[in-house]
């Protein structure tokens, strides 16, 4: 079976910008490899012996006309798209183009959007939705097409049979059984604003998180799994379990990344540092590779200076910690299981060990957020003096407990969640802050952090090459464009621009 795993050209969405498929919640200032889709493509090639073409139009510079040529000439039996909330519209448009080129093609959709609302994607007997974790569902769907299995026997599947149907819950797979994603299938060029070596790639070594933050939208595959997991639990109590690759597997993948010529890696696990012994062993074994890499970790997991020094020796140049707020009361509201003092200590330890820390301010993740708490968090974040502070406004996506709170209390501007970019858009009115105020606060935070004399000096001092300079210049242009957008208040809110499949 000849299969196309693809990301459509950005001309198919309303902003004409690439939509991130790795974290799955924004257009982004840099475009990252769609690793979850690559993992699925590699799995199907290895397990079902599919003839796989991986097409990433934004990374390969393929526009709408180029995509239409490929659709008409490819002769594909099946197409597979990784459809986030934001990308639903462009993915459905691309599927129609593929159908025109080959009327017999089977269109398969997976990730958050089809798991949330499969009826928007499954509209005929040649369209299918993979609900939750996709690998085994797609493998069994292939058996349906081969005539060796009935679609009713495939868990985690949405299909058409005189109307939309959906099957039972797909049990979670054993993550160590997954193959290493084959980066030889990636033909495009990727960027990462916090890495200054090229070429760059991304990696994901685990699924799940293990913590209970009410607002959290983890990376794109875990958002998808949590959506389907939550559907079976009317009361949101538990999250899917943490599942990790073995130490040997992590080292083997990093060795392969090095062998393919990559010089830098963004590790997109929800948390990177699962225990001192495991983290130190991985770092000691990958240090000889000379790769530069960055990752995410909880602040209270960054208090051991020996472990963080091992990370630095292994090439870790920056670690992002989700500090979210510098008010202990708000952190408690979010079930963050973290104190402000944990963040302060983690920043100190990282600096002592030679790893640059990045903190975050997530606005509106608690109904008790006010202008006072916002200004307090901004001041506290600036006093830490980190080069990067990640600012965003909480988007209560359907997989979260915050979503349930927003529905119950009527916070949504449009009555329910609508797809939005969490780096720019606001879709809720909170008890003490309107959506208009939250967006104004977001702009103020970005401007004071990155356009102040100190902020400009910090960014200018970390330009490593002409390529890096061009990339940072493009990011700056996008920031200025966002800051210059005129906000129109509508019932106190800023409409994000609805992007749905309808």
Protein backbone atom coordinates (compact mmCIF):
# COMPACT_ATOMS: atom_id res chain seq x y z
CA UNK A 1 0.00 0.00 0.00
CA UNK A 2 1.36 3.38 -1.01
CA UNK A 3 0.82 5.89 1.80
CA UNK A 4 1.32 9.64 2.08
CA UNK A 5 1.99 11.02 5.57
CA UNK A 6 1.81 14.75 5.10
CA UNK A 7 1.62 18.29 6.45
CA UNK A 8 -0.20 20.57 3.97
CA UNK A 9 1.17 23.89 2.66
CA UNK A 10 0.49 26.86 4.95
CA UNK A 11 -1.53 28.56 2.19
CA UNK A 12 -4.37 26.23 3.19
CA UNK A 13 -4.92 27.97 6.54
CA UNK A 14 -6.27 31.42 7.25
CA UNK A 15 -3.05 32.93 8.53
CA UNK A 16 -0.83 31.52 5.80
CA UNK A 17 1.62 30.36 8.48
CA UNK A 18 2.90 26.86 9.33
CA UNK A 19 0.99 25.26 12.19
CA UNK A 20 3.08 23.46 14.79
CA UNK A 21 2.34 19.71 14.98
CA UNK A 22 4.84 18.79 17.71
CA UNK A 23 3.31 20.67 20.64
CA UNK A 24 0.07 21.20 18.77
CA UNK A 25 -1.16 24.52 20.10
CA UNK A 26 0.27 27.41 18.04
CA UNK A 27 1.59 28.69 14.75
CA UNK A 28 4.87 29.35 16.47
CA UNK A 29 7.93 31.46 15.83
CA UNK A 30 9.84 28.51 14.45
CA UNK A 31 8.68 25.35 12.72
CA UNK A 32 9.58 22.01 14.29
CA UNK A 33 9.60 18.46 12.87
CA UNK A 34 6.21 16.71 13.22
CA UNK A 35 7.73 13.88 15.23
CA UNK A 36 4.51 12.10 16.19
CA UNK A 37 3.49 11.82 12.54
CA UNK A 38 7.00 10.63 11.68
CA UNK A 39 6.75 8.02 14.45
CA UNK A 40 3.46 6.78 12.96
CA UNK A 41 4.89 6.66 9.43
CA UNK A 42 7.92 4.68 10.59
CA UNK A 43 5.72 2.29 12.56
CA UNK A 44 3.48 1.55 9.54
CA UNK A 45 6.43 1.13 7.20
CA UNK A 46 8.07 -1.36 9.56
CA UNK A 47 5.00 -3.24 10.83
CA UNK A 48 2.70 -3.25 7.80
CA UNK A 49 5.37 -2.86 5.10
CA UNK A 50 3.73 0.22 3.62
CA UNK A 51 5.48 2.18 0.89
CA UNK A 52 5.73 5.48 2.77
CA UNK A 53 6.18 9.00 1.42
CA UNK A 54 6.64 11.64 4.11
CA UNK A 55 5.77 15.12 2.89
CA UNK A 56 6.23 18.19 5.11
CA UNK A 57 5.26 21.10 2.88
CA UNK A 58 6.23 23.98 5.22
CA UNK A 59 9.69 22.51 5.85
CA UNK A 60 10.25 21.53 2.21
CA UNK A 61 9.03 24.85 0.81
CA UNK A 62 6.19 23.24 -1.16
CA UNK A 63 3.31 25.61 -1.89
CA UNK A 64 -0.30 24.87 -2.80
CA UNK A 65 0.45 24.34 -6.49
CA UNK A 66 3.30 21.97 -5.67
CA UNK A 67 1.05 20.00 -3.32
CA UNK A 68 -1.63 19.72 -6.00
CA UNK A 69 0.94 18.32 -8.43
CA UNK A 70 2.03 15.71 -5.91
CA UNK A 71 -1.62 14.85 -5.17
CA UNK A 72 -2.31 14.33 -8.85
CA UNK A 73 0.82 12.35 -9.65
CA UNK A 74 1.38 10.33 -6.51
CA UNK A 75 -1.03 7.45 -6.98
CA UNK A 76 -1.45 7.09 -3.21
CA UNK A 77 -3.77 4.49 -1.70
CA UNK A 78 -4.00 6.23 1.67
CA UNK A 79 -3.24 9.65 3.17
CA UNK A 80 -2.57 10.28 6.85
CA UNK A 81 -2.61 13.72 8.48
CA UNK A 82 -1.78 14.80 12.04
CA UNK A 83 -4.69 17.16 12.67
CA UNK A 84 -4.41 19.51 15.63
CA UNK A 85 -7.22 21.80 16.72
CA UNK A 86 -5.68 24.65 14.71
CA UNK A 87 -4.99 22.60 11.59
CA UNK A 88 -8.39 20.92 11.09
CA UNK A 89 -9.48 23.28 8.34
CA UNK A 90 -6.27 23.03 6.31
CA UNK A 91 -6.08 19.26 6.71
CA UNK A 92 -9.61 18.74 5.43
CA UNK A 93 -8.92 21.06 2.52
CA UNK A 94 -5.76 19.12 1.67
CA UNK A 95 -7.68 15.83 1.87
CA UNK A 96 -10.16 17.14 -0.70
CA UNK A 97 -7.26 17.99 -3.02
CA UNK A 98 -5.87 14.47 -2.60
CA UNK A 99 -9.29 12.98 -3.29
CA UNK A 100 -9.55 14.94 -6.54
CA UNK A 101 -6.18 13.58 -7.60
CA UNK A 102 -7.15 10.01 -6.68
CA UNK A 103 -10.89 9.41 -6.07
CA UNK A 104 -10.22 6.00 -4.47
CA UNK A 105 -7.81 7.22 -1.79
CA UNK A 106 -8.54 6.49 1.88
CA UNK A 107 -8.19 9.68 4.01
CA UNK A 108 -7.07 9.04 7.59
CA UNK A 109 -6.99 11.70 10.30
CA UNK A 110 -5.45 11.45 13.74
CA UNK A 111 -4.44 13.69 16.71
CA UNK A 112 -6.51 16.12 18.77
CA UNK A 113 -9.09 17.49 16.31
CA UNK A 114 -10.47 14.15 15.02
CA UNK A 115 -10.30 12.62 18.50
CA UNK A 116 -12.30 15.54 19.88
CA UNK A 117 -14.88 15.72 17.10
CA UNK A 118 -14.60 12.76 14.73
CA UNK A 119 -17.89 13.64 13.03
CA UNK A 120 -16.20 16.65 11.43
CA UNK A 121 -13.74 14.36 9.66
CA UNK A 122 -15.65 11.14 9.00
CA UNK A 123 -18.14 12.02 6.28
CA UNK A 124 -18.03 9.10 3.87
CA UNK A 125 -16.81 5.52 3.70
CA UNK A 126 -13.33 6.60 2.58
CA UNK A 127 -12.58 8.76 5.62
CA UNK A 128 -11.42 7.49 9.00
CA UNK A 129 -10.51 8.95 12.40
CA UNK A 130 -7.92 7.39 14.72
CA UNK A 131 -9.07 8.22 18.26
CA UNK A 132 -6.36 8.50 20.90
CA UNK A 133 -3.03 6.71 20.48
CA UNK A 134 -2.90 5.94 16.75
CA UNK A 135 -0.26 3.31 15.95
CA UNK A 136 -2.07 0.04 16.59
CA UNK A 137 -5.39 1.45 15.40
CA UNK A 138 -3.91 2.32 12.01
CA UNK A 139 -2.24 -1.08 11.75
CA UNK A 140 -5.57 -2.82 12.36
CA UNK A 141 -7.37 -0.46 9.97
CA UNK A 142 -4.96 -1.63 7.28
CA UNK A 143 -6.18 -5.15 8.00
CA UNK A 144 -9.76 -3.94 7.46
CA UNK A 145 -8.79 -2.74 3.99
CA UNK A 146 -7.09 -6.07 3.35
CA UNK A 147 -10.29 -7.90 4.33
CA UNK A 148 -8.82 -9.76 7.32
CA UNK A 149 -10.59 -7.76 10.06
CA UNK A 150 -13.95 -6.04 10.56
CA UNK A 151 -13.92 -2.34 11.38
CA UNK A 152 -16.17 -2.98 14.39
CA UNK A 153 -13.29 -5.04 15.82
CA UNK A 154 -10.85 -2.11 15.73
CA UNK A 155 -10.68 -0.13 18.96
CA UNK A 156 -10.01 3.60 18.76
CA UNK A 157 -11.62 4.03 15.33
CA UNK A 158 -14.16 6.42 13.89
CA UNK A 159 -15.77 5.43 10.59
CA UNK A 160 -18.80 5.95 8.36
CA UNK A 161 -21.69 3.50 8.09
CA UNK A 162 -24.85 5.40 7.18
CA UNK A 163 -23.60 7.93 9.71
CA UNK A 164 -20.56 8.33 11.94
CA UNK A 165 -19.61 5.41 14.19
CA UNK A 166 -16.94 5.05 16.85
CA UNK A 167 -15.53 1.98 18.54
CA UNK A 168 -14.23 1.32 22.05
CA UNK A 169 -11.19 2.65 23.84
CA UNK A 170 -7.78 1.78 22.42
CA UNK A 171 -5.55 0.39 25.16
CA UNK A 172 -2.20 2.13 25.49
CA UNK A 173 0.80 0.54 23.84
CA UNK A 174 4.22 -0.28 25.29
CA UNK A 175 6.36 2.72 24.35
CA UNK A 176 9.67 0.75 24.24
CA UNK A 177 8.13 -1.35 21.44
CA UNK A 178 8.00 1.66 19.11
CA UNK A 179 10.77 1.96 16.50
CA UNK A 180 13.08 4.94 16.37
CA UNK A 181 11.44 7.53 14.07
CA UNK A 182 13.27 7.39 10.75
CA UNK A 183 14.55 10.94 10.23
CA UNK A 184 15.80 9.96 6.79
CA UNK A 185 12.19 10.48 5.71
CA UNK A 186 12.45 14.17 6.64
CA UNK A 187 13.40 16.17 3.55
CA UNK A 188 12.85 19.67 4.89
CA UNK A 189 14.70 22.24 6.99
CA UNK A 190 13.74 23.04 10.58
CA UNK A 191 14.56 25.81 13.02
CA UNK A 192 14.61 26.23 16.80
CA UNK A 193 14.94 29.72 18.24
CA UNK A 194 16.67 28.45 21.39
CA UNK A 195 19.29 26.41 19.55
CA UNK A 196 22.13 28.01 17.61
CA UNK A 197 23.54 24.97 15.81
CA UNK A 198 22.20 23.51 12.58
CA UNK A 199 20.87 21.23 11.26
CA UNK A 200 18.39 20.70 14.08
CA UNK A 201 15.81 18.02 14.81
CA UNK A 202 13.44 17.06 17.63
CA UNK A 203 13.00 13.94 19.74
CA UNK A 204 10.33 12.46 22.03
CA UNK A 205 11.36 9.66 24.40
CA UNK A 206 8.23 9.24 26.52
CA UNK A 207 4.46 9.52 26.59
CA UNK A 208 2.44 10.79 29.53
CA UNK A 209 3.39 13.09 32.36
CA UNK A 210 2.52 11.84 35.84
CA UNK A 211 1.43 15.19 37.26
CA UNK A 212 -2.00 16.77 37.60
CA UNK A 213 -1.88 20.43 36.50
CA UNK A 214 -5.41 21.59 35.71
CA UNK A 215 -4.45 23.64 32.65
CA UNK A 216 -1.85 21.40 31.04
CA UNK A 217 -1.86 20.72 27.33
CA UNK A 218 1.20 18.48 26.90
CA UNK A 219 2.79 17.66 23.56
CA UNK A 220 0.48 16.77 20.69
CA UNK A 221 0.38 12.98 21.07
CA UNK A 222 -0.34 13.20 24.80
CA UNK A 223 -3.11 15.74 24.27
CA UNK A 224 -4.68 13.22 21.91
CA UNK A 225 -4.33 10.33 24.35
CA UNK A 226 -5.69 12.42 27.24
CA UNK A 227 -8.76 13.41 25.23
CA UNK A 228 -9.75 9.80 24.64
CA UNK A 229 -8.75 8.82 28.18
CA UNK A 230 -10.95 11.56 29.60
CA UNK A 231 -13.94 10.49 27.49
CA UNK A 232 -14.15 7.31 29.57
CA UNK A 233 -13.98 9.21 32.86
CA UNK A 234 -16.94 11.55 33.37
CA UNK A 235 -15.17 12.92 36.43
CA UNK A 236 -11.64 13.94 35.52
CA UNK A 237 -9.53 12.25 38.18
CA UNK A 238 -6.62 10.42 36.60
CA UNK A 239 -4.37 11.02 33.64
CA UNK A 240 -2.78 8.42 31.39
CA UNK A 241 0.30 6.80 32.94
CA UNK A 242 3.84 7.82 32.20
CA UNK A 243 5.56 5.46 29.73
CA UNK A 244 9.26 5.84 28.86
CA UNK A 245 11.77 4.42 26.44
CA UNK A 246 14.65 2.57 28.06
CA UNK A 247 17.97 4.27 28.69
CA UNK A 248 19.56 2.17 25.93
CA UNK A 249 16.86 3.26 23.48
CA UNK A 250 17.30 6.95 24.30
CA UNK A 251 21.06 6.66 23.80
CA UNK A 252 20.61 4.71 20.55
CA UNK A 253 18.30 7.36 19.12
CA UNK A 254 20.68 10.18 20.04
CA UNK A 255 23.52 8.23 18.43
CA UNK A 256 21.46 7.84 15.27
CA UNK A 257 20.62 11.54 15.28
CA UNK A 258 24.35 12.29 15.46
CA UNK A 259 25.16 9.79 12.71
CA UNK A 260 22.61 11.47 10.40
CA UNK A 261 24.50 14.74 10.70
CA UNK A 262 22.31 16.67 13.09
CA UNK A 263 24.09 18.99 15.48
CA UNK A 264 21.23 20.05 17.77
CA UNK A 265 18.09 18.50 19.24
CA UNK A 266 14.94 19.85 20.88
CA UNK A 267 13.71 17.16 23.26
CA UNK A 268 9.93 17.57 23.43
CA UNK A 269 9.09 15.21 26.29
CA UNK A 270 6.67 16.78 28.76
CA UNK A 271 9.36 16.22 31.41
CA UNK A 272 12.96 15.30 30.62
CA UNK A 273 14.46 14.55 34.04
CA UNK A 274 12.80 11.40 35.35
CA UNK A 275 15.15 10.63 38.23
CA UNK A 276 18.81 11.44 38.87
CA UNK A 277 20.17 7.96 38.12
CA UNK A 278 18.38 7.64 34.76
CA UNK A 279 19.14 11.22 33.69
CA UNK A 280 22.82 11.05 34.66
CA UNK A 281 23.36 7.72 32.89
CA UNK A 282 21.81 9.03 29.67
CA UNK A 283 23.88 12.21 29.86
CA UNK A 284 27.15 10.40 30.54
CA UNK A 285 26.59 8.13 27.55
CA UNK A 286 25.59 10.82 25.03
CA UNK A 287 28.22 13.38 26.09
CA UNK A 288 30.83 12.12 23.56
CA UNK A 289 28.41 12.88 20.69
CA UNK A 290 28.88 16.63 21.10
CA UNK A 291 25.23 17.42 20.38
CA UNK A 292 23.63 20.62 21.60
CA UNK A 293 20.19 20.02 23.09
CA UNK A 294 17.40 21.59 25.11
CA UNK A 295 14.43 20.13 26.98
CA UNK A 296 11.64 20.62 29.52
CA UNK A 297 11.70 19.82 33.23
CA UNK A 298 9.82 20.63 36.40
CA UNK A 299 11.58 23.14 38.62
CA UNK A 300 11.60 20.84 41.63
CA UNK A 301 13.40 18.22 39.51
CA UNK A 302 16.29 20.62 38.90
CA UNK A 303 17.60 21.00 42.43
CA UNK A 304 20.43 18.47 42.19
CA UNK A 305 23.49 20.31 40.93
CA UNK A 306 25.39 17.09 40.09
CA UNK A 307 22.59 15.97 37.77
CA UNK A 308 22.31 19.35 36.07
CA UNK A 309 26.11 19.46 35.62
CA UNK A 310 25.87 16.06 33.92
CA UNK A 311 23.26 17.57 31.60
CA UNK A 312 25.58 20.47 30.81
CA UNK A 313 28.51 18.14 30.06
CA UNK A 314 26.23 16.19 27.71
CA UNK A 315 25.40 19.29 25.66
CA UNK A 316 22.28 20.67 27.36
CA UNK A 317 22.42 24.44 26.92
CA UNK A 318 18.94 25.39 28.08
CA UNK A 319 16.13 23.87 30.12
CA UNK A 320 12.57 25.16 30.14
CA UNK A 321 10.70 24.93 33.42
CA UNK A 322 6.96 25.57 33.59
CA UNK A 323 6.93 28.05 36.45
CA UNK A 324 3.55 29.43 35.20
CA UNK A 325 3.02 31.92 38.05
CA UNK A 326 5.06 33.48 40.84
CA UNK A 327 2.12 33.43 43.24
CA UNK A 328 1.90 30.35 45.47
CA UNK A 329 -1.85 30.71 45.78
CA UNK A 330 -2.35 30.57 42.02
CA UNK A 331 0.03 27.61 41.74
CA UNK A 332 -2.16 25.81 44.26
CA UNK A 333 -5.27 26.66 42.23
CA UNK A 334 -3.61 25.03 39.20
CA UNK A 335 -2.65 21.88 41.14
CA UNK A 336 0.90 22.61 40.05
CA UNK A 337 2.41 20.87 43.13
CA UNK A 338 5.17 23.47 43.08
CA UNK A 339 6.22 26.53 45.08
CA UNK A 340 7.81 29.76 43.87
CA UNK A 341 10.89 28.95 45.96
CA UNK A 342 11.31 25.75 43.88
CA UNK A 343 11.61 27.86 40.73
CA UNK A 344 14.07 30.28 42.28
CA UNK A 345 16.28 27.42 43.47
CA UNK A 346 16.10 25.67 40.09
CA UNK A 347 17.24 28.84 38.29
CA UNK A 348 20.17 29.16 40.71
CA UNK A 349 21.18 25.50 40.31
CA UNK A 350 21.00 25.68 36.51
CA UNK A 351 23.21 28.74 36.42
CA UNK A 352 25.70 27.19 38.80
CA UNK A 353 25.84 24.06 36.65
CA UNK A 354 26.19 25.93 33.34
CA UNK A 355 22.71 25.36 31.89
CA UNK A 356 20.66 28.38 30.87
CA UNK A 357 17.22 28.40 32.56
CA UNK A 358 13.98 29.56 30.96
CA UNK A 359 10.89 30.30 33.03
CA UNK A 360 7.27 30.89 32.04
CA UNK A 361 4.32 33.06 32.97
CA UNK A 362 1.00 31.47 32.07
CA UNK A 363 -1.72 34.07 32.44
CA UNK A 364 -5.26 33.16 33.36
CA UNK A 365 -4.74 29.55 34.42
CA UNK A 366 -6.55 30.35 37.66
CA UNK A 367 -9.89 32.16 38.06
CA UNK A 368 -8.19 34.16 40.82
CA UNK A 369 -5.76 35.83 38.39
CA UNK A 370 -5.84 39.64 38.64
CA UNK A 371 -3.76 42.54 37.40
CA UNK A 372 -2.01 42.47 40.77
CA UNK A 373 -0.92 38.82 40.39
CA UNK A 374 0.11 39.43 36.78
CA UNK A 375 2.36 42.38 37.65
CA UNK A 376 3.81 40.40 40.55
CA UNK A 377 4.70 37.47 38.26
CA UNK A 378 6.22 39.77 35.63
CA UNK A 379 8.42 41.49 38.20
CA UNK A 380 9.49 38.20 39.76
CA UNK A 381 10.32 36.68 36.37
CA UNK A 382 12.34 39.72 35.32
CA UNK A 383 14.25 39.73 38.61
CA UNK A 384 15.48 36.21 37.81
CA UNK A 385 17.16 37.70 34.74
CA UNK A 386 16.69 34.77 32.37
CA UNK A 387 17.20 35.45 28.67
CA UNK A 388 13.85 33.87 27.80
CA UNK A 389 10.53 34.12 29.60
CA UNK A 390 7.75 32.23 27.86
CA UNK A 391 4.50 34.19 28.02
CA UNK A 392 1.09 32.80 27.10
CA UNK A 393 -2.55 32.85 28.12
CA UNK A 394 -4.14 29.60 29.24
CA UNK A 395 -6.38 27.99 26.62
CA UNK A 396 -8.76 25.58 28.36
CA UNK A 397 -8.53 22.80 25.79
CA UNK A 398 -11.01 19.91 25.96
CA UNK A 399 -8.54 17.46 27.51
CA UNK A 400 -8.04 19.58 30.65
CA UNK A 401 -9.74 20.10 33.97
CA UNK A 402 -9.59 23.84 33.25
CA UNK A 403 -11.92 23.20 30.30
CA UNK A 404 -14.50 21.68 32.65
CA UNK A 405 -14.22 24.72 34.91
CA UNK A 406 -14.64 27.10 31.97
CA UNK A 407 -17.76 25.28 30.73
CA UNK A 408 -19.29 25.15 34.21
CA UNK A 409 -18.67 28.84 34.88
CA UNK A 410 -19.40 30.19 31.40
CA UNK A 411 -15.94 31.65 30.82
CA UNK A 412 -15.68 30.83 27.11
CA UNK A 413 -16.25 33.82 24.84
CA UNK A 414 -18.05 31.67 22.25
CA UNK A 415 -19.67 29.29 24.69
CA UNK A 416 -17.11 26.52 24.13
CA UNK A 417 -13.50 25.96 23.19
CA UNK A 418 -12.50 27.20 19.75
CA UNK A 419 -9.09 26.44 18.18
CA UNK A 420 -6.63 29.21 18.99
CA UNK A 421 -2.92 30.02 19.13
CA UNK A 422 -1.84 29.99 22.77
CA UNK A 423 0.99 32.43 22.08
CA UNK A 424 -1.43 35.12 20.84
CA UNK A 425 -5.12 34.36 21.27
CA UNK A 426 -7.49 34.58 24.21
CA UNK A 427 -10.80 32.71 24.31
CA UNK A 428 -12.04 33.22 27.89
CA UNK A 429 -13.35 35.99 30.11
CA UNK A 430 -12.24 35.30 33.68
CA UNK A 431 -13.93 36.64 36.83
CA UNK A 432 -11.37 39.44 37.28
CA UNK A 433 -9.90 39.83 33.77
CA UNK A 434 -11.69 40.05 30.43
CA UNK A 435 -10.25 38.44 27.33
CA UNK A 436 -9.48 41.93 26.05
CA UNK A 437 -7.44 42.66 29.17
CA UNK A 438 -5.65 39.30 29.02
CA UNK A 439 -4.53 39.92 25.45
CA UNK A 440 -3.36 43.41 26.35
CA UNK A 441 -1.44 41.90 29.25
CA UNK A 442 0.20 39.37 26.92
CA UNK A 443 1.38 42.11 24.56
CA UNK A 444 2.68 44.18 27.45
CA UNK A 445 4.62 41.22 28.81
CA UNK A 446 6.28 40.45 25.46
CA UNK A 447 7.18 44.08 24.84
CA UNK A 448 8.72 44.68 28.25
CA UNK A 449 10.68 41.43 28.18
CA UNK A 450 12.08 41.46 24.65
CA UNK A 451 12.04 45.10 23.51
CA UNK A 452 13.64 46.59 26.61
CA UNK A 453 17.33 47.57 26.33
CA UNK A 454 18.32 44.58 28.47
CA UNK A 455 16.15 42.21 26.45
CA UNK A 456 17.62 43.41 23.16
CA UNK A 457 21.18 43.05 24.50
CA UNK A 458 20.47 39.52 25.71
CA UNK A 459 19.16 38.37 22.34
CA UNK A 460 21.86 40.13 20.32
CA UNK A 461 24.55 38.52 22.45
CA UNK A 462 23.47 35.02 21.43
CA UNK A 463 23.70 35.19 17.64
CA UNK A 464 25.93 32.34 16.58
CA UNK A 465 25.82 32.55 12.78
CA UNK A 466 24.29 34.31 9.79
CA UNK A 467 21.62 31.60 9.63
CA UNK A 468 20.87 32.17 13.30
CA UNK A 469 20.69 35.93 12.74
CA UNK A 470 18.21 35.52 9.88
CA UNK A 471 16.06 33.19 11.96
CA UNK A 472 16.01 35.56 14.94
CA UNK A 473 15.18 38.46 12.59
CA UNK A 474 12.17 36.54 11.26
CA UNK A 475 11.04 35.84 14.81
CA UNK A 476 11.39 39.52 15.66
CA UNK A 477 9.28 40.52 12.65
CA UNK A 478 6.54 38.12 13.77
CA UNK A 479 6.68 39.55 17.29
CA UNK A 480 6.38 43.14 16.01
CA UNK A 481 3.48 42.09 13.79
CA UNK A 482 1.67 40.59 16.78
CA UNK A 483 2.30 43.63 18.95
CA UNK A 484 0.98 45.85 16.17
CA UNK A 485 -2.27 43.95 15.66
CA UNK A 486 -5.30 46.06 16.48
CA UNK A 487 -7.51 44.43 19.10
CA UNK A 488 -11.24 44.76 18.61
CA UNK A 489 -13.19 44.11 21.79
CA UNK A 490 -16.29 41.99 21.34
CA UNK A 491 -18.16 41.59 24.60
CA UNK A 492 -14.80 42.19 26.23
CA UNK A 493 -13.12 39.50 24.13
CA UNK A 494 -10.76 39.09 21.22
CA UNK A 495 -12.12 36.52 18.74
CA UNK A 496 -9.26 34.21 17.79
CA UNK A 497 -10.49 33.41 14.28
CA UNK A 498 -12.47 30.21 14.27
CA UNK A 499 -10.69 27.33 12.58
CA UNK A 500 -13.00 24.35 12.52
CA UNK A 501 -13.68 21.55 10.15
CA UNK A 502 -17.18 22.73 9.33
